[in-house]
Amino acid sequence: MGRLFRAPSGTTWVSTVVSIEDPFDQDDWEGWRRFLSQVGIQVVGDDLTVTNPKRIQRAAELGACNCLLLKVNQIGSVTESIQAPHNPPNPKSPPSPSPAGGRGEDAPRSKVAPPPGVLKAVEHINKTIAPALLEKKISVVEQEKIDKLMIDMDGTENKSKFGANAILGVSLAVCKAGAAEKGVPLYRHIADLAGNAELILPVPGTPASG
């Protein structure tokens, strides 16, 4: 089991653990701060930071975590996911990109009975977002301008007017179209958007439980 020690909170910890994700509720900032100050391991923020630049900045200022997951589907646009890790809690520990979890998608069910949220997202795209983008005539390679236009049109803190799925769907489609327009692979286009001339593979991480 490895050497054990008891933190001031009374929690028993196993010293052989090297990383833990979301040990507390996402709004228990003090719990996160105290925990990180007592353990010499990687403490990953997922629900804590939700790929949101404001929450990431707060986590860094409070010392709430020292690593974060990067999920495009959490924040809702390619541009925001690129901006999110610019001020990470620990500059020495790069963010870990993470796709949506799950064993697979239920394709037959989604085709027969798509969720109401999806239909609402499609309606917003067809009736509001698409006409606005066509009117502005913004090139598909101008990802940040398109994402900002959609966010400004939505006008809410959490994208509740259009829904994050609508904005994210268009943002990802624009990103792929931008790569095609430039004639480069998608990863190269995203690196260009982030201003990264040098390509570096993400740090691999494997969830484990015993």
N, C-alpha and C. Protein backbone atom coordinates (compact mmCIF):
# COMPACT_ATOMS: atom_id res chain seq x y z
N MET A 1 0.82 -1.21 0.00
CA MET A 1 0.00 0.00 0.00
C MET A 1 0.85 1.26 0.00
N GLY A 2 2.11 1.15 0.40
CA GLY A 2 2.95 2.34 0.45
C GLY A 2 2.85 3.04 1.78
N ARG A 3 3.71 4.03 1.99
CA ARG A 3 3.74 4.76 3.25
C ARG A 3 2.51 5.65 3.36
N LEU A 4 1.88 5.65 4.54
CA LEU A 4 0.69 6.46 4.76
C LEU A 4 1.02 7.66 5.63
N PHE A 5 0.30 8.72 5.45
CA PHE A 5 0.41 9.83 6.39
C PHE A 5 -0.95 10.48 6.51
N ARG A 6 -1.16 11.18 7.60
CA ARG A 6 -2.46 11.78 7.88
C ARG A 6 -2.36 13.30 7.74
N ALA A 7 -3.16 13.84 6.83
CA ALA A 7 -3.18 15.28 6.63
C ALA A 7 -3.92 15.95 7.78
N PRO A 8 -3.75 17.27 7.97
CA PRO A 8 -4.43 17.96 9.07
C PRO A 8 -5.94 17.76 9.07
N SER A 9 -6.53 17.54 7.91
CA SER A 9 -7.98 17.36 7.83
C SER A 9 -8.42 16.00 8.36
N GLY A 10 -7.44 15.12 8.63
CA GLY A 10 -7.76 13.78 9.09
C GLY A 10 -7.81 12.76 7.98
N THR A 11 -7.56 13.19 6.75
CA THR A 11 -7.60 12.28 5.61
C THR A 11 -6.31 11.47 5.55
N THR A 12 -6.43 10.16 5.38
CA THR A 12 -5.27 9.31 5.22
C THR A 12 -4.90 9.23 3.75
N TRP A 13 -3.63 9.42 3.44
CA TRP A 13 -3.18 9.49 2.06
C TRP A 13 -2.13 8.43 1.78
N VAL A 14 -2.16 7.88 0.58
CA VAL A 14 -1.18 6.88 0.16
C VAL A 14 -0.10 7.58 -0.65
N SER A 15 1.14 7.49 -0.20
CA SER A 15 2.20 8.28 -0.82
C SER A 15 2.57 7.79 -2.21
N THR A 16 2.14 6.56 -2.59
CA THR A 16 2.49 6.06 -3.92
C THR A 16 1.59 6.64 -5.01
N VAL A 17 0.52 7.31 -4.65
CA VAL A 17 -0.33 7.99 -5.63
C VAL A 17 0.42 9.21 -6.14
N VAL A 18 0.46 9.38 -7.46
CA VAL A 18 1.21 10.49 -8.04
C VAL A 18 0.31 11.56 -8.64
N SER A 19 -0.97 11.23 -8.85
CA SER A 19 -1.88 12.20 -9.45
C SER A 19 -3.31 11.90 -9.05
N ILE A 20 -4.08 12.95 -8.82
CA ILE A 20 -5.49 12.79 -8.49
C ILE A 20 -6.28 13.90 -9.18
N GLU A 21 -7.47 13.55 -9.65
CA GLU A 21 -8.30 14.51 -10.38
C GLU A 21 -9.57 14.82 -9.60
N ASP A 22 -9.89 16.10 -9.49
CA ASP A 22 -11.12 16.58 -8.85
C ASP A 22 -11.37 15.94 -7.48
N PRO A 23 -10.47 16.15 -6.51
CA PRO A 23 -10.68 15.55 -5.19
C PRO A 23 -11.81 16.18 -4.40
N PHE A 24 -12.26 17.38 -4.79
CA PHE A 24 -13.31 18.07 -4.05
C PHE A 24 -14.35 18.67 -5.01
N ASP A 25 -15.42 19.18 -4.42
CA ASP A 25 -16.44 19.87 -5.21
C ASP A 25 -15.82 21.06 -5.94
N GLN A 26 -16.35 21.37 -7.11
CA GLN A 26 -15.75 22.42 -7.93
C GLN A 26 -15.81 23.81 -7.31
N ASP A 27 -16.65 24.01 -6.29
CA ASP A 27 -16.72 25.32 -5.65
C ASP A 27 -16.08 25.34 -4.26
N ASP A 28 -15.46 24.24 -3.88
CA ASP A 28 -14.77 24.19 -2.58
C ASP A 28 -13.33 24.66 -2.77
N TRP A 29 -13.16 25.93 -3.07
CA TRP A 29 -11.82 26.46 -3.37
C TRP A 29 -10.87 26.30 -2.19
N GLU A 30 -11.36 26.52 -0.98
CA GLU A 30 -10.50 26.41 0.19
C GLU A 30 -10.05 24.97 0.41
N GLY A 31 -10.96 24.01 0.17
CA GLY A 31 -10.58 22.61 0.30
C GLY A 31 -9.49 22.22 -0.68
N TRP A 32 -9.62 22.69 -1.92
CA TRP A 32 -8.59 22.43 -2.93
C TRP A 32 -7.26 23.05 -2.50
N ARG A 33 -7.31 24.29 -2.03
CA ARG A 33 -6.07 24.99 -1.66
C ARG A 33 -5.35 24.28 -0.52
N ARG A 34 -6.10 23.90 0.51
CA ARG A 34 -5.49 23.23 1.65
C ARG A 34 -4.93 21.87 1.25
N PHE A 35 -5.68 21.16 0.40
CA PHE A 35 -5.23 19.83 -0.02
C PHE A 35 -3.92 19.91 -0.79
N LEU A 36 -3.85 20.83 -1.76
CA LEU A 36 -2.64 20.95 -2.57
C LEU A 36 -1.44 21.35 -1.71
N SER A 37 -1.68 22.16 -0.69
CA SER A 37 -0.57 22.59 0.16
C SER A 37 -0.02 21.47 1.03
N GLN A 38 -0.79 20.37 1.16
CA GLN A 38 -0.38 19.27 2.05
C GLN A 38 0.15 18.05 1.32
N VAL A 39 -0.09 17.95 0.01
CA VAL A 39 0.34 16.75 -0.72
C VAL A 39 1.32 17.13 -1.82
N GLY A 40 2.35 16.37 -1.97
CA GLY A 40 3.35 16.67 -3.00
C GLY A 40 3.12 15.89 -4.27
N ILE A 41 1.90 15.94 -4.78
CA ILE A 41 1.55 15.19 -5.98
C ILE A 41 0.86 16.11 -6.99
N GLN A 42 0.55 15.56 -8.15
CA GLN A 42 -0.18 16.30 -9.17
C GLN A 42 -1.67 16.30 -8.82
N VAL A 43 -2.25 17.49 -8.69
CA VAL A 43 -3.68 17.63 -8.40
C VAL A 43 -4.32 18.28 -9.63
N VAL A 44 -5.13 17.51 -10.34
CA VAL A 44 -5.66 17.94 -11.64
C VAL A 44 -7.04 18.56 -11.49
N GLY A 45 -7.22 19.73 -12.09
CA GLY A 45 -8.52 20.38 -12.12
C GLY A 45 -9.26 20.06 -13.41
N ASP A 46 -10.44 19.46 -13.28
CA ASP A 46 -11.30 19.18 -14.43
C ASP A 46 -12.60 19.95 -14.24
N ASP A 47 -13.47 19.46 -13.35
CA ASP A 47 -14.70 20.19 -13.03
C ASP A 47 -14.38 21.50 -12.32
N LEU A 48 -13.23 21.58 -11.66
CA LEU A 48 -12.84 22.82 -10.98
C LEU A 48 -12.62 23.95 -11.96
N THR A 49 -11.93 23.67 -13.04
CA THR A 49 -11.52 24.72 -13.98
C THR A 49 -12.35 24.77 -15.26
N VAL A 50 -12.96 23.66 -15.64
CA VAL A 50 -13.84 23.53 -16.81
C VAL A 50 -13.34 24.28 -18.05
N THR A 51 -12.03 24.28 -18.26
CA THR A 51 -11.42 24.92 -19.43
C THR A 51 -11.86 26.38 -19.56
N ASN A 52 -12.17 27.00 -18.43
CA ASN A 52 -12.63 28.39 -18.40
C ASN A 52 -11.49 29.30 -17.94
N PRO A 53 -11.05 30.25 -18.79
CA PRO A 53 -9.91 31.10 -18.42
C PRO A 53 -10.06 31.78 -17.06
N LYS A 54 -11.28 32.21 -16.71
CA LYS A 54 -11.49 32.90 -15.43
C LYS A 54 -11.28 31.95 -14.25
N ARG A 55 -11.81 30.72 -14.37
CA ARG A 55 -11.64 29.77 -13.27
C ARG A 55 -10.20 29.27 -13.19
N ILE A 56 -9.56 29.15 -14.34
CA ILE A 56 -8.15 28.74 -14.35
C ILE A 56 -7.30 29.80 -13.66
N GLN A 57 -7.57 31.06 -13.94
CA GLN A 57 -6.83 32.15 -13.30
C GLN A 57 -7.04 32.14 -11.79
N ARG A 58 -8.28 31.90 -11.37
CA ARG A 58 -8.56 31.86 -9.93
C ARG A 58 -7.85 30.68 -9.27
N ALA A 59 -7.84 29.54 -9.96
CA ALA A 59 -7.15 28.36 -9.42
C ALA A 59 -5.66 28.64 -9.26
N ALA A 60 -5.09 29.35 -10.22
CA ALA A 60 -3.66 29.69 -10.16
C ALA A 60 -3.39 30.66 -9.01
N GLU A 61 -4.26 31.65 -8.84
CA GLU A 61 -4.07 32.66 -7.79
C GLU A 61 -4.20 32.05 -6.40
N LEU A 62 -5.14 31.11 -6.23
CA LEU A 62 -5.37 30.50 -4.92
C LEU A 62 -4.46 29.32 -4.64
N GLY A 63 -3.80 28.80 -5.68
CA GLY A 63 -3.01 27.58 -5.49
C GLY A 63 -3.91 26.39 -5.26
N ALA A 64 -5.00 26.30 -6.05
CA ALA A 64 -5.99 25.24 -5.85
C ALA A 64 -5.63 23.94 -6.55
N CYS A 65 -4.88 24.01 -7.65
CA CYS A 65 -4.45 22.81 -8.35
C CYS A 65 -3.15 23.13 -9.08
N ASN A 66 -2.47 22.10 -9.54
CA ASN A 66 -1.21 22.34 -10.25
C ASN A 66 -1.18 21.72 -11.64
N CYS A 67 -2.35 21.29 -12.12
CA CYS A 67 -2.47 20.75 -13.47
C CYS A 67 -3.94 20.86 -13.87
N LEU A 68 -4.20 20.95 -15.16
CA LEU A 68 -5.59 21.04 -15.59
C LEU A 68 -5.82 20.24 -16.86
N LEU A 69 -7.07 19.76 -17.00
CA LEU A 69 -7.49 19.11 -18.23
C LEU A 69 -8.01 20.17 -19.19
N LEU A 70 -7.82 19.91 -20.46
CA LEU A 70 -8.26 20.84 -21.50
C LEU A 70 -9.30 20.15 -22.36
N LYS A 71 -10.55 20.62 -22.29
CA LYS A 71 -11.65 20.01 -23.04
C LYS A 71 -12.39 21.08 -23.82
N VAL A 72 -12.36 20.95 -25.14
CA VAL A 72 -13.04 21.94 -25.97
C VAL A 72 -14.53 21.95 -25.68
N ASN A 73 -15.11 20.78 -25.41
CA ASN A 73 -16.56 20.71 -25.19
C ASN A 73 -16.99 21.37 -23.88
N GLN A 74 -16.05 21.62 -22.96
CA GLN A 74 -16.42 22.26 -21.71
C GLN A 74 -16.65 23.76 -21.88
N ILE A 75 -15.79 24.42 -22.63
CA ILE A 75 -15.87 25.87 -22.75
C ILE A 75 -16.72 26.31 -23.93
N GLY A 76 -16.75 25.50 -25.01
CA GLY A 76 -17.71 25.77 -26.07
C GLY A 76 -17.21 26.39 -27.34
N SER A 77 -15.90 26.68 -27.46
CA SER A 77 -15.38 27.17 -28.74
C SER A 77 -13.89 26.87 -28.83
N VAL A 78 -13.41 26.76 -30.05
CA VAL A 78 -11.99 26.47 -30.27
C VAL A 78 -11.12 27.61 -29.74
N THR A 79 -11.51 28.85 -30.00
CA THR A 79 -10.71 30.00 -29.57
C THR A 79 -10.55 30.04 -28.06
N GLU A 80 -11.64 29.84 -27.32
CA GLU A 80 -11.56 29.88 -25.85
C GLU A 80 -10.72 28.74 -25.30
N SER A 81 -10.78 27.57 -25.94
CA SER A 81 -9.97 26.44 -25.46
C SER A 81 -8.49 26.69 -25.71
N ILE A 82 -8.17 27.47 -26.75
CA ILE A 82 -6.78 27.83 -27.01
C ILE A 82 -6.30 28.86 -26.00
N GLN A 83 -7.18 29.80 -25.64
CA GLN A 83 -6.81 30.85 -24.69
C GLN A 83 -6.73 30.33 -23.26
N ALA A 84 -7.50 29.30 -22.94
CA ALA A 84 -7.62 28.83 -21.56
C ALA A 84 -6.30 28.51 -20.87
N PRO A 85 -5.38 27.77 -21.50
CA PRO A 85 -4.17 27.38 -20.78
C PRO A 85 -3.03 28.40 -20.82
N HIS A 86 -3.29 29.64 -21.24
CA HIS A 86 -2.21 30.61 -21.34
C HIS A 86 -1.61 30.97 -19.99
N ASN A 87 -2.41 30.87 -18.92
CA ASN A 87 -1.91 31.13 -17.56
C ASN A 87 -2.23 29.94 -16.68
N PRO A 88 -1.55 28.81 -16.90
CA PRO A 88 -1.86 27.58 -16.16
C PRO A 88 -1.47 27.69 -14.69
N PRO A 89 -2.10 26.89 -13.81
CA PRO A 89 -1.75 26.90 -12.39
C PRO A 89 -0.27 26.58 -12.16
N ASN A 90 0.29 25.73 -13.01
CA ASN A 90 1.70 25.37 -12.89
C ASN A 90 2.32 25.37 -14.28
N PRO A 91 3.10 26.41 -14.63
CA PRO A 91 3.70 26.48 -15.97
C PRO A 91 4.57 25.29 -16.32
N LYS A 92 5.09 24.59 -15.30
CA LYS A 92 5.95 23.44 -15.55
C LYS A 92 5.15 22.18 -15.87
N SER A 93 3.85 22.23 -15.64
CA SER A 93 2.99 21.07 -15.91
C SER A 93 2.00 21.45 -17.00
N PRO A 94 2.25 21.07 -18.25
CA PRO A 94 1.37 21.48 -19.35
C PRO A 94 -0.02 20.88 -19.22
N PRO A 95 -1.04 21.56 -19.74
CA PRO A 95 -2.40 21.02 -19.70
C PRO A 95 -2.49 19.69 -20.43
N SER A 96 -3.42 18.86 -19.99
CA SER A 96 -3.63 17.56 -20.62
C SER A 96 -4.90 17.60 -21.45
N PRO A 97 -4.80 17.64 -22.79
CA PRO A 97 -6.01 17.61 -23.62
C PRO A 97 -6.79 16.33 -23.37
N SER A 98 -8.11 16.44 -23.29
CA SER A 98 -8.92 15.28 -22.98
C SER A 98 -10.19 15.28 -23.82
N PRO A 99 -10.44 14.20 -24.58
CA PRO A 99 -11.69 14.10 -25.32
C PRO A 99 -12.82 13.70 -24.39
N ALA A 100 -14.04 13.81 -24.86
CA ALA A 100 -15.18 13.38 -24.06
C ALA A 100 -15.07 11.89 -23.78
N GLY A 101 -15.40 11.50 -22.55
CA GLY A 101 -15.28 10.11 -22.16
C GLY A 101 -16.45 9.27 -22.64
N GLY A 102 -16.36 7.95 -22.37
CA GLY A 102 -17.43 7.05 -22.75
C GLY A 102 -16.93 5.92 -23.61
N ARG A 103 -17.66 4.81 -23.61
CA ARG A 103 -17.25 3.64 -24.39
C ARG A 103 -17.56 3.80 -25.86
N GLY A 104 -18.46 4.70 -26.20
CA GLY A 104 -18.83 4.88 -27.60
C GLY A 104 -20.12 5.66 -27.68
N GLU A 105 -20.54 5.98 -28.87
CA GLU A 105 -21.78 6.73 -29.03
C GLU A 105 -22.91 5.79 -29.46
N ASP A 106 -24.09 6.12 -29.01
CA ASP A 106 -25.27 5.32 -29.37
C ASP A 106 -25.84 5.88 -30.66
N ALA A 107 -25.16 5.59 -31.78
CA ALA A 107 -25.52 6.18 -33.07
C ALA A 107 -26.96 5.88 -33.50
N PRO A 108 -27.42 4.60 -33.41
CA PRO A 108 -28.79 4.32 -33.84
C PRO A 108 -29.82 5.13 -33.07
N ARG A 109 -29.65 5.20 -31.74
CA ARG A 109 -30.63 5.93 -30.94
C ARG A 109 -30.59 7.42 -31.26
N SER A 110 -29.40 7.96 -31.45
CA SER A 110 -29.31 9.40 -31.72
C SER A 110 -29.93 9.75 -33.07
N LYS A 111 -29.92 8.80 -34.00
CA LYS A 111 -30.53 9.07 -35.31
C LYS A 111 -32.05 8.94 -35.25
N VAL A 112 -32.54 7.99 -34.42
CA VAL A 112 -33.98 7.77 -34.34
C VAL A 112 -34.64 8.86 -33.49
N ALA A 113 -34.02 9.18 -32.36
CA ALA A 113 -34.62 10.15 -31.44
C ALA A 113 -33.55 11.09 -30.91
N PRO A 114 -33.15 12.07 -31.70
CA PRO A 114 -32.13 13.01 -31.23
C PRO A 114 -32.63 13.78 -30.02
N PRO A 115 -31.77 14.05 -29.04
CA PRO A 115 -32.17 14.79 -27.84
C PRO A 115 -32.71 16.17 -28.19
N PRO A 116 -33.66 16.69 -27.38
CA PRO A 116 -34.22 18.02 -27.65
C PRO A 116 -33.16 19.10 -27.73
N GLY A 117 -32.11 18.98 -26.90
CA GLY A 117 -31.05 19.98 -26.90
C GLY A 117 -30.34 20.07 -28.24
N VAL A 118 -30.20 18.92 -28.91
CA VAL A 118 -29.56 18.90 -30.22
C VAL A 118 -30.43 19.62 -31.25
N LEU A 119 -31.73 19.33 -31.22
CA LEU A 119 -32.65 19.97 -32.16
C LEU A 119 -32.67 21.49 -31.95
N LYS A 120 -32.60 21.91 -30.69
CA LYS A 120 -32.58 23.34 -30.39
C LYS A 120 -31.30 23.97 -30.91
N ALA A 121 -30.18 23.25 -30.75
CA ALA A 121 -28.90 23.76 -31.24
C ALA A 121 -28.93 23.92 -32.76
N VAL A 122 -29.47 22.92 -33.44
CA VAL A 122 -29.57 22.98 -34.91
C VAL A 122 -30.45 24.15 -35.34
N GLU A 123 -31.53 24.38 -34.60
CA GLU A 123 -32.43 25.50 -34.93
C GLU A 123 -31.70 26.84 -34.80
N HIS A 124 -30.94 27.00 -33.73
CA HIS A 124 -30.18 28.24 -33.54
C HIS A 124 -29.14 28.43 -34.65
N ILE A 125 -28.50 27.33 -35.03
CA ILE A 125 -27.49 27.41 -36.09
C ILE A 125 -28.12 27.83 -37.41
N ASN A 126 -29.23 27.16 -37.77
CA ASN A 126 -29.86 27.42 -39.07
C ASN A 126 -30.53 28.79 -39.16
N LYS A 127 -31.17 29.22 -38.06
CA LYS A 127 -31.98 30.44 -38.12
C LYS A 127 -31.24 31.71 -37.70
N THR A 128 -30.20 31.57 -36.89
CA THR A 128 -29.55 32.76 -36.34
C THR A 128 -28.06 32.84 -36.66
N ILE A 129 -27.33 31.79 -36.28
CA ILE A 129 -25.87 31.85 -36.40
C ILE A 129 -25.42 31.85 -37.86
N ALA A 130 -25.94 30.90 -38.65
CA ALA A 130 -25.51 30.80 -40.05
C ALA A 130 -25.80 32.08 -40.85
N PRO A 131 -27.02 32.65 -40.77
CA PRO A 131 -27.27 33.89 -41.51
C PRO A 131 -26.33 35.03 -41.10
N ALA A 132 -26.02 35.12 -39.80
CA ALA A 132 -25.13 36.19 -39.33
C ALA A 132 -23.72 36.02 -39.87
N LEU A 133 -23.23 34.78 -39.90
CA LEU A 133 -21.88 34.52 -40.41
C LEU A 133 -21.81 34.80 -41.91
N LEU A 134 -22.86 34.43 -42.63
CA LEU A 134 -22.89 34.69 -44.07
C LEU A 134 -22.93 36.19 -44.36
N GLU A 135 -23.66 36.91 -43.53
CA GLU A 135 -23.77 38.36 -43.72
C GLU A 135 -22.43 39.06 -43.48
N LYS A 136 -21.70 38.61 -42.47
CA LYS A 136 -20.42 39.23 -42.12
C LYS A 136 -19.31 38.86 -43.11
N LYS A 137 -19.48 37.76 -43.81
CA LYS A 137 -18.50 37.30 -44.81
C LYS A 137 -17.09 37.16 -44.22
N ILE A 138 -17.02 36.54 -43.04
CA ILE A 138 -15.73 36.31 -42.40
C ILE A 138 -15.12 35.03 -42.96
N SER A 139 -13.86 35.07 -43.30
CA SER A 139 -13.18 33.89 -43.83
C SER A 139 -13.13 32.78 -42.78
N VAL A 140 -13.20 31.53 -43.23
CA VAL A 140 -13.17 30.40 -42.30
C VAL A 140 -11.82 30.27 -41.59
N VAL A 141 -10.79 30.93 -42.08
CA VAL A 141 -9.49 30.86 -41.41
C VAL A 141 -9.42 31.85 -40.25
N GLU A 142 -10.41 32.73 -40.14
CA GLU A 142 -10.43 33.71 -39.05
C GLU A 142 -11.25 33.17 -37.88
N GLN A 143 -10.73 32.14 -37.26
CA GLN A 143 -11.43 31.42 -36.20
C GLN A 143 -11.84 32.34 -35.05
N GLU A 144 -10.93 33.16 -34.58
CA GLU A 144 -11.21 34.00 -33.41
C GLU A 144 -12.35 34.98 -33.69
N LYS A 145 -12.39 35.57 -34.88
CA LYS A 145 -13.45 36.51 -35.22
C LYS A 145 -14.81 35.83 -35.23
N ILE A 146 -14.85 34.61 -35.79
CA ILE A 146 -16.12 33.89 -35.87
C ILE A 146 -16.59 33.47 -34.49
N ASP A 147 -15.68 32.94 -33.68
CA ASP A 147 -16.05 32.54 -32.32
C ASP A 147 -16.52 33.74 -31.50
N LYS A 148 -15.83 34.86 -31.62
CA LYS A 148 -16.21 36.06 -30.87
C LYS A 148 -17.58 36.56 -31.31
N LEU A 149 -17.85 36.50 -32.61
CA LEU A 149 -19.16 36.93 -33.11
C LEU A 149 -20.27 36.09 -32.49
N MET A 150 -20.08 34.78 -32.44
CA MET A 150 -21.10 33.90 -31.87
C MET A 150 -21.28 34.15 -30.38
N ILE A 151 -20.17 34.34 -29.67
CA ILE A 151 -20.24 34.59 -28.23
C ILE A 151 -20.93 35.91 -27.95
N ASP A 152 -20.61 36.94 -28.74
CA ASP A 152 -21.24 38.24 -28.56
C ASP A 152 -22.73 38.18 -28.90
N MET A 153 -23.09 37.42 -29.93
CA MET A 153 -24.50 37.27 -30.29
C MET A 153 -25.27 36.57 -29.18
N ASP A 154 -24.64 35.58 -28.55
CA ASP A 154 -25.29 34.86 -27.46
C ASP A 154 -25.48 35.80 -26.25
N GLY A 155 -24.40 36.48 -25.89
CA GLY A 155 -24.49 37.51 -24.86
C GLY A 155 -24.65 37.06 -23.43
N THR A 156 -24.53 35.75 -23.16
CA THR A 156 -24.66 35.26 -21.79
C THR A 156 -23.33 34.72 -21.29
N GLU A 157 -23.20 34.64 -19.96
CA GLU A 157 -21.95 34.18 -19.36
C GLU A 157 -21.64 32.74 -19.70
N ASN A 158 -22.68 31.89 -19.74
CA ASN A 158 -22.46 30.45 -19.96
C ASN A 158 -23.06 29.94 -21.28
N LYS A 159 -23.26 30.86 -22.24
CA LYS A 159 -23.76 30.50 -23.57
C LYS A 159 -25.15 29.84 -23.50
N SER A 160 -25.98 30.32 -22.59
CA SER A 160 -27.29 29.69 -22.38
C SER A 160 -28.33 30.10 -23.42
N LYS A 161 -28.11 31.17 -24.16
CA LYS A 161 -29.09 31.60 -25.16
C LYS A 161 -29.10 30.64 -26.34
N PHE A 162 -27.95 30.44 -26.97
CA PHE A 162 -27.86 29.51 -28.10
C PHE A 162 -27.59 28.09 -27.62
N GLY A 163 -26.90 27.97 -26.51
CA GLY A 163 -26.46 26.66 -26.05
C GLY A 163 -25.03 26.41 -26.51
N ALA A 164 -24.21 25.90 -25.60
CA ALA A 164 -22.81 25.66 -25.93
C ALA A 164 -22.66 24.68 -27.09
N ASN A 165 -23.62 23.75 -27.23
CA ASN A 165 -23.52 22.77 -28.31
C ASN A 165 -23.63 23.43 -29.68
N ALA A 166 -24.46 24.45 -29.79
CA ALA A 166 -24.61 25.15 -31.07
C ALA A 166 -23.33 25.90 -31.41
N ILE A 167 -22.81 26.65 -30.46
CA ILE A 167 -21.59 27.43 -30.70
C ILE A 167 -20.40 26.51 -30.93
N LEU A 168 -20.30 25.45 -30.12
CA LEU A 168 -19.18 24.52 -30.27
C LEU A 168 -19.24 23.81 -31.61
N GLY A 169 -20.43 23.39 -32.03
CA GLY A 169 -20.56 22.68 -33.31
C GLY A 169 -20.09 23.53 -34.47
N VAL A 170 -20.50 24.80 -34.48
CA VAL A 170 -20.07 25.70 -35.55
C VAL A 170 -18.58 25.98 -35.44
N SER A 171 -18.10 26.18 -34.22
CA SER A 171 -16.68 26.49 -34.01
C SER A 171 -15.78 25.36 -34.52
N LEU A 172 -16.16 24.12 -34.21
CA LEU A 172 -15.36 22.98 -34.67
C LEU A 172 -15.45 22.82 -36.19
N ALA A 173 -16.64 23.06 -36.75
CA ALA A 173 -16.80 22.96 -38.20
C ALA A 173 -15.95 24.01 -38.91
N VAL A 174 -15.94 25.22 -38.36
CA VAL A 174 -15.12 26.30 -38.92
C VAL A 174 -13.65 25.95 -38.84
N CYS A 175 -13.25 25.34 -37.73
CA CYS A 175 -11.85 24.96 -37.55
C CYS A 175 -11.42 23.96 -38.62
N LYS A 176 -12.26 22.96 -38.87
CA LYS A 176 -11.95 21.97 -39.91
C LYS A 176 -11.96 22.61 -41.29
N ALA A 177 -12.91 23.51 -41.52
CA ALA A 177 -12.97 24.19 -42.82
C ALA A 177 -11.76 25.09 -43.02
N GLY A 178 -11.30 25.71 -41.94
CA GLY A 178 -10.12 26.56 -42.02
C GLY A 178 -8.88 25.77 -42.40
N ALA A 179 -8.75 24.58 -41.82
CA ALA A 179 -7.61 23.72 -42.16
C ALA A 179 -7.68 23.30 -43.62
N ALA A 180 -8.88 22.97 -44.09
CA ALA A 180 -9.05 22.57 -45.49
C ALA A 180 -8.74 23.73 -46.43
N GLU A 181 -9.17 24.93 -46.04
CA GLU A 181 -8.92 26.13 -46.86
C GLU A 181 -7.41 26.38 -47.01
N LYS A 182 -6.66 26.14 -45.93
CA LYS A 182 -5.21 26.35 -45.96
C LYS A 182 -4.47 25.16 -46.55
N GLY A 183 -5.15 24.02 -46.66
CA GLY A 183 -4.51 22.82 -47.18
C GLY A 183 -3.51 22.21 -46.23
N VAL A 184 -3.80 22.30 -44.92
CA VAL A 184 -2.91 21.74 -43.91
C VAL A 184 -3.70 20.80 -43.01
N PRO A 185 -3.02 19.89 -42.29
CA PRO A 185 -3.72 19.02 -41.34
C PRO A 185 -4.38 19.86 -40.24
N LEU A 186 -5.43 19.31 -39.64
CA LEU A 186 -6.16 20.04 -38.60
C LEU A 186 -5.26 20.42 -37.44
N TYR A 187 -4.37 19.50 -37.02
CA TYR A 187 -3.51 19.81 -35.88
C TYR A 187 -2.57 20.97 -36.18
N ARG A 188 -2.13 21.08 -37.44
CA ARG A 188 -1.25 22.17 -37.82
C ARG A 188 -2.00 23.51 -37.81
N HIS A 189 -3.24 23.47 -38.26
CA HIS A 189 -4.07 24.68 -38.27
C HIS A 189 -4.32 25.16 -36.84
N ILE A 190 -4.64 24.22 -35.93
CA ILE A 190 -4.88 24.59 -34.53
C ILE A 190 -3.61 25.16 -33.91
N ALA A 191 -2.46 24.57 -34.24
CA ALA A 191 -1.19 25.09 -33.73
C ALA A 191 -0.96 26.51 -34.23
N ASP A 192 -1.30 26.77 -35.48
CA ASP A 192 -1.16 28.12 -36.04
C ASP A 192 -2.07 29.10 -35.30
N LEU A 193 -3.29 28.68 -35.01
CA LEU A 193 -4.22 29.54 -34.29
C LEU A 193 -3.69 29.88 -32.90
N ALA A 194 -3.00 28.93 -32.30
CA ALA A 194 -2.44 29.14 -30.96
C ALA A 194 -1.09 29.85 -30.99
N GLY A 195 -0.55 30.05 -32.19
CA GLY A 195 0.75 30.71 -32.31
C GLY A 195 1.91 29.81 -31.96
N ASN A 196 1.73 28.51 -32.12
CA ASN A 196 2.78 27.54 -31.79
C ASN A 196 3.50 27.09 -33.05
N ALA A 197 4.73 27.55 -33.22
CA ALA A 197 5.51 27.14 -34.38
C ALA A 197 6.05 25.73 -34.20
N GLU A 198 6.34 25.38 -32.94
CA GLU A 198 6.89 24.06 -32.63
C GLU A 198 5.77 23.15 -32.13
N LEU A 199 5.67 21.97 -32.71
CA LEU A 199 4.65 21.02 -32.30
C LEU A 199 5.19 20.09 -31.24
N ILE A 200 4.48 19.98 -30.12
CA ILE A 200 4.89 19.13 -29.01
C ILE A 200 3.74 18.19 -28.67
N LEU A 201 4.04 16.91 -28.55
CA LEU A 201 3.00 15.94 -28.19
C LEU A 201 2.52 16.20 -26.77
N PRO A 202 1.20 16.07 -26.53
CA PRO A 202 0.68 16.24 -25.17
C PRO A 202 1.26 15.20 -24.22
N VAL A 203 1.31 15.55 -22.95
CA VAL A 203 1.78 14.61 -21.94
C VAL A 203 0.73 13.51 -21.77
N PRO A 204 1.09 12.24 -21.99
CA PRO A 204 0.10 11.17 -21.86
C PRO A 204 -0.31 10.94 -20.42
N GLY A 205 -1.55 10.59 -20.22
CA GLY A 205 -2.03 10.27 -18.88
C GLY A 205 -3.05 9.15 -18.97
N THR A 206 -2.99 8.21 -18.04
CA THR A 206 -3.90 7.06 -18.05
C THR A 206 -4.62 6.96 -16.71
N PRO A 207 -5.97 7.08 -16.68
CA PRO A 207 -6.70 6.91 -15.42
C PRO A 207 -6.51 5.48 -14.91
N ALA A 208 -6.34 5.35 -13.61
CA ALA A 208 -6.16 4.03 -13.02
C ALA A 208 -6.86 3.98 -11.68
N SER A 209 -7.41 2.82 -11.35
CA SER A 209 -8.05 2.63 -10.05
C SER A 209 -7.74 1.23 -9.57
N GLY A 210 -7.73 1.06 -8.30
CA GLY A 210 -7.40 -0.24 -7.76
C GLY A 210 -8.35 -0.66 -6.67
